[in-house]
Amino acid sequence: MMNANSFIKVAFAAAMISTSLKAQVKTAFKFDFSDGKKVSGLTRVLPSDTYSKLKGYGFDLDTKINAEDQPFYFSVAVPEGNYKVTVTLGDAKKAMETTVKAESRRLMLEDVKTKAGELVTRTFIVNVKDRNITGGEVVGLKPRELTKLDWDDKLTLEFAKHPAVKSIEISKVSDQITVFLAGNSTVVNQDDEPWASWGQMIPRFFKPGVSFANHAESGLTLGSFAGSRRLKKVLSVMQPGDYLFIEFGHNDQKEKGPNDGAYKSYTERLKNFVAETKKKGGIPVIVTSTSRRAFENGKIVNSLGDFPEAARKVAADEKVALIDLNVMTADLFNALGEESSKKAFVHYPANSYPGQDKPLADNTHFNTYGAYEIAKCVVEGIKKANLGISKFLIDPAFNFDPSKPDAVANWHWPESPKSSVVKPDGN
């Protein structure tokens, strides 16, 4: 039987091993994808380097660099945190055009063009999160989230369009302002085509200095976001000066308990999110719900009852920033018109995607074009609210008028390989 001294020695040894293993976790990488001479200090990546936990890096999801311009994935095993990613793009013999997504289809770089013989370097920030919460608790994920790239133990990059990758450098950084996103299916990083939300498009508009950590999930309310310990998770990693953007209402509207309603539980919970964020030294930002595609007599009507107005009131009462996305998206959809606005939502005829034997007609959830336009609305709201992160916009002169949306015909999105005909929760 183990005596007290032996137990202490074993516990101490276990703690030392644990500390040693943590110290060995690698958080900086330099990869060389060129087919020339080996470059000192860079890890050469061969087409045969398939990702494995043992290796810790490689081509992932049954893809690899190819000559057919098919999307490919490259993953690196890393712990939770913000990572600076620098990619060098270009081809010696022909012009190329590369779009880069991270994790669950977050748009990081859009249509980076290179001439034959030209190399271009771009840097962006990717947030990697896990389920663990200080104290031994974990986030209560839905079954569909268990296979999402957003919640695994690696950083995954997707290269698409006409990609040409020469090198990738990845390093963990602690000097970023993190913008946490709390919301539902209109905010979440959607894994599958053709679904998309503004939260996965907004990183494209910001340079290093700010990182977006999207903790939204389809079907959630303020209550279920907190109940599944997502708010606790956000607060456990939030640093003073970080932000929490809060957009709920679509699903809260469906709750019918005696204390539910826009000016009851919704208002109380929204105020709690604000208070808890302030306790951590964070900056809460309230975002009103996106409008649904609900037309009457050729104009968008409010289908969200008192919830947008209740959110505005909480922002005013608590003296926190407000982004009135409800108004901006109504202007956006009105500008597109009743019929053309379908092109911002998941409206597709049968057989547009594998396994889709029936038409898709969803007036709540967006496709990539709609999500991109709504992300522009959010960026415009950030500027109007004079939020400090405005200084990290790639284009300091950014300006977007929702009543003058970008032409749908000019939108070109290289689709990811994975698609689904299953509507997100909360439809």
Protein backbone atom coordinates (compact mmCIF):
# COMPACT_ATOMS: atom_id res chain seq x y z
CA MET A 1 0.00 0.00 0.00
CA MET A 2 1.35 3.45 -0.93
CA ASN A 3 2.35 5.63 2.04
CA ALA A 4 1.98 9.42 2.13
CA ASN A 5 5.57 10.14 1.07
CA SER A 6 5.36 7.75 -1.86
CA PHE A 7 2.07 9.30 -2.96
CA ILE A 8 3.60 12.80 -2.86
CA LYS A 9 6.60 11.64 -4.90
CA VAL A 10 4.36 10.02 -7.54
CA ALA A 11 2.15 13.11 -7.73
CA PHE A 12 5.20 15.37 -8.05
CA ALA A 13 6.65 13.18 -10.82
CA ALA A 14 3.33 13.22 -12.68
CA ALA A 15 3.14 17.00 -12.40
CA MET A 16 6.69 17.34 -13.73
CA ILE A 17 5.89 15.08 -16.69
CA SER A 18 2.73 17.07 -17.43
CA THR A 19 4.67 20.35 -17.28
CA SER A 20 7.38 18.90 -19.51
CA LEU A 21 4.83 17.73 -22.09
CA LYS A 22 3.18 21.15 -22.13
CA ALA A 23 6.56 22.78 -22.61
CA GLN A 24 7.17 20.51 -25.61
CA VAL A 25 3.97 21.54 -27.40
CA LYS A 26 5.10 23.32 -30.53
CA THR A 27 3.49 26.66 -31.41
CA ALA A 28 5.77 27.95 -34.19
CA PHE A 29 6.24 26.39 -37.63
CA LYS A 30 7.84 27.19 -40.98
CA PHE A 31 6.85 25.06 -43.97
CA ASP A 32 8.37 25.01 -47.45
CA PHE A 33 6.11 23.85 -50.31
CA SER A 34 8.49 24.65 -53.17
CA ASP A 35 10.06 21.94 -55.31
CA GLY A 36 13.49 23.55 -55.38
CA LYS A 37 16.46 23.24 -53.04
CA LYS A 38 15.78 22.72 -49.34
CA VAL A 39 15.67 26.02 -47.45
CA SER A 40 17.44 26.13 -44.09
CA GLY A 41 15.08 26.54 -41.13
CA LEU A 42 11.99 25.43 -43.07
CA THR A 43 10.29 22.03 -42.95
CA ARG A 44 9.97 20.62 -46.45
CA VAL A 45 6.41 19.49 -47.22
CA LEU A 46 6.03 16.77 -49.85
CA PRO A 47 2.79 15.84 -51.67
CA SER A 48 2.88 12.57 -49.74
CA ASP A 49 2.84 14.29 -46.33
CA THR A 50 -0.64 13.38 -45.11
CA TYR A 51 -1.73 14.77 -41.76
CA SER A 52 -1.45 12.54 -38.71
CA LYS A 53 -1.43 13.29 -34.99
CA LEU A 54 1.99 11.68 -34.73
CA LYS A 55 3.51 13.88 -37.43
CA GLY A 56 1.54 16.96 -36.31
CA TYR A 57 1.13 18.48 -39.78
CA GLY A 58 0.25 17.60 -43.36
CA PHE A 59 -2.39 17.62 -46.09
CA ASP A 60 -5.78 16.87 -44.61
CA LEU A 61 -9.31 15.67 -45.39
CA ASP A 62 -8.14 13.42 -48.24
CA THR A 63 -6.75 16.31 -50.28
CA LYS A 64 -3.33 17.31 -51.56
CA ILE A 65 -1.69 19.88 -53.84
CA ASN A 66 -2.71 19.08 -57.41
CA ALA A 67 -2.57 20.47 -60.91
CA GLU A 68 -6.36 20.60 -61.33
CA ASP A 69 -6.87 23.66 -59.11
CA GLN A 70 -8.94 21.64 -56.64
CA PRO A 71 -9.15 22.98 -53.06
CA PHE A 72 -6.74 21.40 -50.62
CA TYR A 73 -6.41 21.46 -46.84
CA PHE A 74 -3.27 21.73 -44.74
CA SER A 75 -3.46 21.19 -40.97
CA VAL A 76 -1.09 21.72 -38.04
CA ALA A 77 -1.64 20.43 -34.51
CA VAL A 78 -1.66 23.41 -32.12
CA PRO A 79 -3.11 24.29 -28.70
CA GLU A 80 -5.78 26.95 -28.16
CA GLY A 81 -4.86 30.57 -28.89
CA ASN A 82 -4.40 33.20 -31.58
CA TYR A 83 -2.00 32.39 -34.41
CA LYS A 84 -0.27 34.64 -36.89
CA VAL A 85 -0.24 32.94 -40.27
CA THR A 86 1.99 34.21 -43.08
CA VAL A 87 1.61 32.66 -46.51
CA THR A 88 3.78 33.24 -49.58
CA LEU A 89 1.83 32.69 -52.79
CA GLY A 90 2.80 32.54 -56.47
CA ASP A 91 3.96 30.39 -59.35
CA ALA A 92 7.08 30.73 -61.49
CA LYS A 93 5.35 29.89 -64.77
CA LYS A 94 1.77 31.21 -64.68
CA ALA A 95 -0.60 33.70 -63.12
CA MET A 96 -2.51 32.38 -60.12
CA GLU A 97 -5.39 33.47 -57.86
CA THR A 98 -5.69 32.14 -54.33
CA THR A 99 -8.47 32.32 -51.74
CA VAL A 100 -7.63 31.15 -48.22
CA LYS A 101 -10.14 29.96 -45.64
CA ALA A 102 -9.37 28.78 -42.11
CA GLU A 103 -11.01 26.21 -39.88
CA SER A 104 -14.77 26.06 -40.63
CA ARG A 105 -14.71 28.11 -43.85
CA ARG A 106 -13.63 31.43 -42.32
CA LEU A 107 -12.63 33.76 -45.13
CA MET A 108 -9.10 35.02 -44.47
CA LEU A 109 -7.78 36.06 -47.91
CA GLU A 110 -9.93 36.76 -50.93
CA ASP A 111 -8.72 36.38 -54.53
CA VAL A 112 -5.02 37.13 -54.07
CA LYS A 113 -3.72 37.51 -57.63
CA THR A 114 -0.11 36.83 -58.62
CA LYS A 115 1.53 37.22 -62.03
CA ALA A 116 3.79 34.58 -63.51
CA GLY A 117 7.05 34.65 -61.59
CA GLU A 118 5.63 36.91 -58.86
CA LEU A 119 5.58 36.05 -55.15
CA VAL A 120 3.16 37.77 -52.75
CA THR A 121 3.20 37.49 -48.96
CA ARG A 122 0.08 37.96 -46.83
CA THR A 123 -0.43 37.71 -43.05
CA PHE A 124 -3.64 37.09 -41.10
CA ILE A 125 -4.73 35.95 -37.64
CA VAL A 126 -6.57 32.72 -36.90
CA ASN A 127 -8.17 31.92 -33.56
CA VAL A 128 -8.05 28.28 -32.45
CA LYS A 129 -10.35 27.22 -29.61
CA ASP A 130 -11.06 24.09 -27.62
CA ARG A 131 -13.86 22.91 -25.33
CA ASN A 132 -11.92 23.15 -22.06
CA ILE A 133 -12.86 25.65 -19.37
CA THR A 134 -10.78 26.50 -16.32
CA GLY A 135 -11.85 24.29 -13.42
CA GLY A 136 -12.38 21.13 -15.43
CA GLU A 137 -15.66 22.00 -17.17
CA VAL A 138 -16.19 21.72 -20.92
CA VAL A 139 -18.45 23.43 -23.46
CA GLY A 140 -21.61 21.44 -24.10
CA LEU A 141 -21.36 20.93 -27.85
CA LYS A 142 -24.18 19.71 -30.07
CA PRO A 143 -23.56 16.38 -31.87
CA ARG A 144 -23.09 18.17 -35.21
CA GLU A 145 -20.30 20.30 -33.71
CA LEU A 146 -18.18 17.30 -32.75
CA THR A 147 -16.93 16.99 -36.32
CA LYS A 148 -16.48 20.70 -37.01
CA LEU A 149 -13.01 21.96 -37.86
CA ASP A 150 -13.65 24.82 -35.43
CA TRP A 151 -13.60 22.46 -32.45
CA ASP A 152 -10.82 20.00 -33.26
CA ASP A 153 -7.23 20.01 -32.00
CA LYS A 154 -5.55 21.57 -35.03
CA LEU A 155 -5.39 24.67 -37.20
CA THR A 156 -6.64 23.92 -40.70
CA LEU A 157 -6.13 26.11 -43.78
CA GLU A 158 -8.06 25.64 -47.02
CA PHE A 159 -6.47 26.90 -50.25
CA ALA A 160 -8.86 27.32 -53.17
CA LYS A 161 -9.56 28.85 -56.60
CA HIS A 162 -6.19 28.63 -58.45
CA PRO A 163 -3.91 28.20 -55.44
CA ALA A 164 -0.13 28.43 -55.52
CA VAL A 165 1.54 28.08 -52.11
CA LYS A 166 5.28 28.50 -51.64
CA SER A 167 5.54 28.68 -47.85
CA ILE A 168 3.50 28.93 -44.66
CA GLU A 169 4.69 30.30 -41.32
CA ILE A 170 2.56 29.88 -38.21
CA SER A 171 3.28 31.24 -34.74
CA LYS A 172 1.23 31.71 -31.59
CA VAL A 173 0.80 35.37 -30.57
CA SER A 174 -0.55 37.00 -27.42
CA ASP A 175 -0.72 40.63 -28.57
CA GLN A 176 -4.05 40.50 -30.45
CA ILE A 177 -7.37 42.06 -29.46
CA THR A 178 -9.84 39.18 -29.56
CA VAL A 179 -13.40 39.80 -30.73
CA PHE A 180 -15.59 37.01 -29.39
CA LEU A 181 -18.85 36.37 -31.25
CA ALA A 182 -21.91 35.09 -29.38
CA GLY A 183 -24.92 34.28 -31.52
CA ASN A 184 -26.99 31.79 -33.48
CA SER A 185 -27.05 30.39 -37.03
CA THR A 186 -26.87 33.89 -38.56
CA VAL A 187 -23.45 34.35 -36.91
CA VAL A 188 -21.87 30.87 -36.65
CA ASN A 189 -19.09 29.56 -38.89
CA GLN A 190 -21.11 27.24 -41.13
CA ASP A 191 -19.08 24.16 -42.09
CA ASP A 192 -20.92 23.19 -45.27
CA GLU A 193 -21.84 24.72 -48.61
CA PRO A 194 -24.06 26.50 -49.46
CA TRP A 195 -24.74 27.80 -45.93
CA ALA A 196 -22.83 30.79 -44.53
CA SER A 197 -23.03 33.50 -41.87
CA TRP A 198 -21.47 36.92 -41.37
CA GLY A 199 -19.22 35.70 -38.54
CA GLN A 200 -17.11 33.62 -40.94
CA MET A 201 -16.76 36.43 -43.48
CA ILE A 202 -15.73 39.30 -41.23
CA PRO A 203 -12.06 38.26 -40.66
CA ARG A 204 -11.36 39.04 -44.34
CA PHE A 205 -11.75 42.79 -43.66
CA PHE A 206 -9.21 43.06 -40.83
CA LYS A 207 -5.43 42.98 -40.67
CA PRO A 208 -3.32 41.58 -37.81
CA GLY A 209 -4.03 43.28 -34.52
CA VAL A 210 -7.49 41.80 -34.13
CA SER A 211 -8.65 38.18 -34.02
CA PHE A 212 -12.20 36.83 -34.33
CA ALA A 213 -13.20 33.96 -32.05
CA ASN A 214 -16.61 32.74 -33.19
CA HIS A 215 -18.46 30.87 -30.42
CA ALA A 216 -21.90 31.15 -32.05
CA GLU A 217 -23.90 28.04 -32.91
CA SER A 218 -27.10 27.31 -34.80
CA GLY A 219 -30.33 27.19 -32.82
CA LEU A 220 -29.06 28.96 -29.71
CA THR A 221 -30.74 31.56 -27.53
CA LEU A 222 -29.12 33.75 -24.91
CA GLY A 223 -30.24 31.14 -22.38
CA SER A 224 -28.92 28.06 -24.21
CA PHE A 225 -25.64 29.84 -25.08
CA ALA A 226 -25.06 30.38 -21.37
CA GLY A 227 -26.55 27.01 -20.41
CA SER A 228 -24.12 25.11 -22.63
CA ARG A 229 -21.28 26.97 -20.86
CA ARG A 230 -20.29 28.94 -23.94
CA LEU A 231 -20.41 32.28 -22.11
CA LYS A 232 -18.34 30.76 -19.30
CA LYS A 233 -15.83 29.55 -21.91
CA VAL A 234 -15.57 32.99 -23.52
CA LEU A 235 -15.11 34.70 -20.16
CA SER A 236 -12.45 32.16 -19.13
CA VAL A 237 -10.14 33.24 -21.96
CA MET A 238 -11.19 36.89 -22.34
CA GLN A 239 -8.54 39.53 -21.60
CA PRO A 240 -9.16 43.19 -20.69
CA GLY A 241 -9.78 45.15 -23.88
CA ASP A 242 -11.28 42.19 -25.75
CA TYR A 243 -14.77 42.47 -27.22
CA LEU A 244 -17.95 40.41 -27.05
CA PHE A 245 -20.40 40.93 -29.94
CA ILE A 246 -23.85 39.64 -28.91
CA GLU A 247 -26.53 38.86 -31.53
CA PHE A 248 -29.59 36.85 -30.51
CA GLY A 249 -33.34 37.02 -31.06
CA HIS A 250 -34.38 34.57 -33.79
CA ASN A 251 -34.62 31.63 -31.41
CA ASP A 252 -35.34 33.60 -28.23
CA GLN A 253 -38.52 34.72 -29.97
CA LYS A 254 -39.76 31.12 -29.95
CA GLU A 255 -39.47 30.64 -26.18
CA LYS A 256 -42.96 30.74 -24.62
CA GLY A 257 -42.41 30.33 -20.88
CA PRO A 258 -44.11 32.62 -18.32
CA ASN A 259 -40.96 34.73 -17.94
CA ASP A 260 -39.98 34.68 -21.62
CA GLY A 261 -40.29 37.59 -23.98
CA ALA A 262 -38.36 40.53 -25.37
CA TYR A 263 -38.70 42.68 -22.25
CA LYS A 264 -38.44 39.80 -19.77
CA SER A 265 -35.91 36.95 -19.99
CA TYR A 266 -34.32 38.28 -23.19
CA THR A 267 -33.61 41.68 -21.66
CA GLU A 268 -32.47 40.18 -18.35
CA ARG A 269 -30.06 37.77 -20.04
CA LEU A 270 -28.73 40.41 -22.40
CA LYS A 271 -27.97 42.66 -19.44
CA ASN A 272 -26.21 39.74 -17.74
CA PHE A 273 -23.98 39.15 -20.79
CA VAL A 274 -23.07 42.85 -20.72
CA ALA A 275 -22.36 42.86 -16.97
CA GLU A 276 -20.22 39.71 -17.07
CA THR A 277 -18.19 41.06 -19.98
CA LYS A 278 -17.56 44.34 -18.17
CA LYS A 279 -16.41 42.43 -15.06
CA LYS A 280 -13.65 40.88 -17.17
CA GLY A 281 -12.61 44.27 -18.52
CA GLY A 282 -14.13 43.42 -21.88
CA ILE A 283 -16.13 45.63 -24.22
CA PRO A 284 -19.69 44.39 -24.95
CA VAL A 285 -21.32 45.28 -28.27
CA ILE A 286 -25.01 44.54 -28.84
CA VAL A 287 -26.00 43.57 -32.38
CA THR A 288 -29.68 43.52 -33.36
CA SER A 289 -30.93 40.40 -35.18
CA THR A 290 -30.66 40.13 -38.93
CA SER A 291 -33.96 40.59 -40.71
CA ARG A 292 -35.65 37.56 -42.18
CA ARG A 293 -36.63 37.57 -45.84
CA ALA A 294 -40.25 38.47 -45.02
CA PHE A 295 -41.85 40.68 -47.69
CA GLU A 296 -45.29 42.27 -47.73
CA ASN A 297 -46.36 44.52 -50.57
CA GLY A 298 -42.81 44.48 -51.92
CA LYS A 299 -41.12 45.60 -48.66
CA ILE A 300 -39.40 43.81 -45.78
CA VAL A 301 -41.55 43.65 -42.65
CA ASN A 302 -40.34 43.06 -39.10
CA SER A 303 -40.89 39.40 -38.22
CA LEU A 304 -38.96 39.59 -34.95
CA GLY A 305 -41.52 41.38 -32.83
CA ASP A 306 -40.13 43.50 -30.00
CA PHE A 307 -36.73 41.80 -29.90
CA PRO A 308 -34.76 44.31 -32.02
CA GLU A 309 -36.22 47.22 -30.03
CA ALA A 310 -35.50 45.47 -26.73
CA ALA A 311 -31.84 45.05 -27.79
CA ARG A 312 -31.65 48.74 -28.68
CA LYS A 313 -33.07 49.64 -25.27
CA VAL A 314 -30.57 47.47 -23.40
CA ALA A 315 -27.70 49.08 -25.34
CA ALA A 316 -29.01 52.55 -24.44
CA ASP A 317 -29.70 51.68 -20.77
CA GLU A 318 -26.31 49.99 -20.29
CA LYS A 319 -24.47 52.64 -22.34
CA VAL A 320 -22.80 50.11 -24.64
CA ALA A 321 -22.21 50.19 -28.39
CA LEU A 322 -25.01 49.09 -30.71
CA ILE A 323 -24.78 47.76 -34.26
CA ASP A 324 -28.30 47.91 -35.68
CA LEU A 325 -28.00 45.00 -38.08
CA ASN A 326 -31.77 44.58 -38.16
CA VAL A 327 -32.20 47.94 -39.89
CA MET A 328 -29.21 47.51 -42.18
CA THR A 329 -30.25 44.06 -43.40
CA ALA A 330 -33.79 45.29 -44.04
CA ASP A 331 -32.30 48.05 -46.21
CA LEU A 332 -30.09 45.48 -47.94
CA PHE A 333 -32.93 43.08 -48.78
CA ASN A 334 -35.24 45.92 -49.85
CA ALA A 335 -32.52 47.15 -52.21
CA LEU A 336 -32.15 43.68 -53.71
CA GLY A 337 -35.91 43.33 -54.07
CA GLU A 338 -38.34 40.56 -53.24
CA GLU A 339 -37.21 38.17 -55.98
CA SER A 340 -33.50 39.02 -56.25
CA SER A 341 -33.06 38.87 -52.47
CA LYS A 342 -33.39 35.07 -52.78
CA LYS A 343 -29.85 35.19 -54.15
CA ALA A 344 -28.60 36.23 -50.68
CA PHE A 345 -30.32 33.26 -49.01
CA VAL A 346 -30.19 29.49 -49.42
CA HIS A 347 -32.59 29.28 -52.37
CA TYR A 348 -31.42 26.65 -54.87
CA PRO A 349 -33.26 24.39 -57.32
CA ALA A 350 -33.14 20.62 -56.82
CA ASN A 351 -29.86 18.89 -57.66
CA SER A 352 -27.73 21.99 -57.11
CA TYR A 353 -25.75 20.00 -54.51
CA PRO A 354 -25.08 16.28 -53.98
CA GLY A 355 -28.03 14.46 -52.43
CA GLN A 356 -30.37 17.42 -52.92
CA ASP A 357 -33.46 15.93 -54.54
CA LYS A 358 -35.71 18.83 -53.50
CA PRO A 359 -35.38 22.61 -53.85
CA LEU A 360 -33.85 24.53 -50.96
CA ALA A 361 -35.90 27.57 -49.96
CA ASP A 362 -34.72 29.12 -46.68
CA ASN A 363 -35.59 32.71 -45.80
CA THR A 364 -33.52 32.89 -42.60
CA HIS A 365 -30.11 31.47 -43.49
CA PHE A 366 -27.68 33.04 -45.92
CA ASN A 367 -25.51 31.76 -48.69
CA THR A 368 -21.96 33.06 -49.11
CA TYR A 369 -22.98 36.17 -51.04
CA GLY A 370 -25.55 37.15 -48.41
CA ALA A 371 -23.16 36.45 -45.54
CA TYR A 372 -20.46 38.56 -47.19
CA GLU A 373 -22.81 41.52 -47.68
CA ILE A 374 -24.01 41.28 -44.07
CA ALA A 375 -20.41 41.14 -42.83
CA LYS A 376 -19.94 44.44 -44.67
CA CYS A 377 -22.95 45.80 -42.76
CA VAL A 378 -21.30 44.77 -39.47
CA VAL A 379 -18.03 46.43 -40.49
CA GLU A 380 -19.94 49.60 -41.34
CA GLY A 381 -21.57 49.37 -37.90
CA ILE A 382 -18.15 49.02 -36.26
CA LYS A 383 -17.04 52.22 -37.96
CA LYS A 384 -20.21 54.14 -37.06
CA ALA A 385 -19.87 53.07 -33.42
CA ASN A 386 -16.25 54.30 -33.41
CA LEU A 387 -15.01 51.01 -31.97
CA GLY A 388 -11.26 50.85 -31.42
CA ILE A 389 -10.84 47.87 -33.72
CA SER A 390 -11.68 50.14 -36.67
CA LYS A 391 -7.98 51.00 -36.87
CA PHE A 392 -7.26 47.42 -37.93
CA LEU A 393 -9.40 47.54 -41.06
CA ILE A 394 -7.44 46.54 -44.15
CA ASP A 395 -9.06 49.44 -45.98
CA PRO A 396 -9.18 52.50 -43.67
CA ALA A 397 -11.54 54.20 -46.13
CA PHE A 398 -14.01 51.29 -46.02
CA ASN A 399 -17.55 52.42 -46.71
CA PHE A 400 -20.66 50.32 -47.31
CA ASP A 401 -24.20 51.48 -47.95
CA PRO A 402 -26.64 48.55 -47.46
CA SER A 403 -29.09 50.24 -49.83
CA LYS A 404 -26.46 49.86 -52.56
CA PRO A 405 -25.36 46.22 -52.32
CA ASP A 406 -22.66 44.67 -54.46
CA ALA A 407 -23.93 43.05 -57.64
CA VAL A 408 -24.63 39.35 -57.18
CA ALA A 409 -23.08 38.70 -60.60
CA ASN A 410 -19.72 39.98 -59.33
CA TRP A 411 -19.58 37.54 -56.43
CA HIS A 412 -17.22 34.62 -56.98
CA TRP A 413 -16.75 32.14 -54.14
CA PRO A 414 -14.65 29.00 -54.61
CA GLU A 415 -16.82 26.36 -52.98
CA SER A 416 -15.41 24.04 -50.34
CA PRO A 417 -15.68 20.29 -51.06
CA LYS A 418 -18.18 19.56 -48.27
CA SER A 419 -21.88 20.39 -48.68
CA SER A 420 -25.11 19.60 -46.86
CA VAL A 421 -28.83 19.84 -47.59
CA VAL A 422 -29.67 19.80 -43.86
CA LYS A 423 -30.92 23.18 -42.66
CA PRO A 424 -29.10 24.59 -39.60
CA ASP A 425 -30.95 24.46 -36.29
CA GLY A 426 -33.23 27.40 -35.64
CA ASN A 427 -34.79 27.68 -39.08
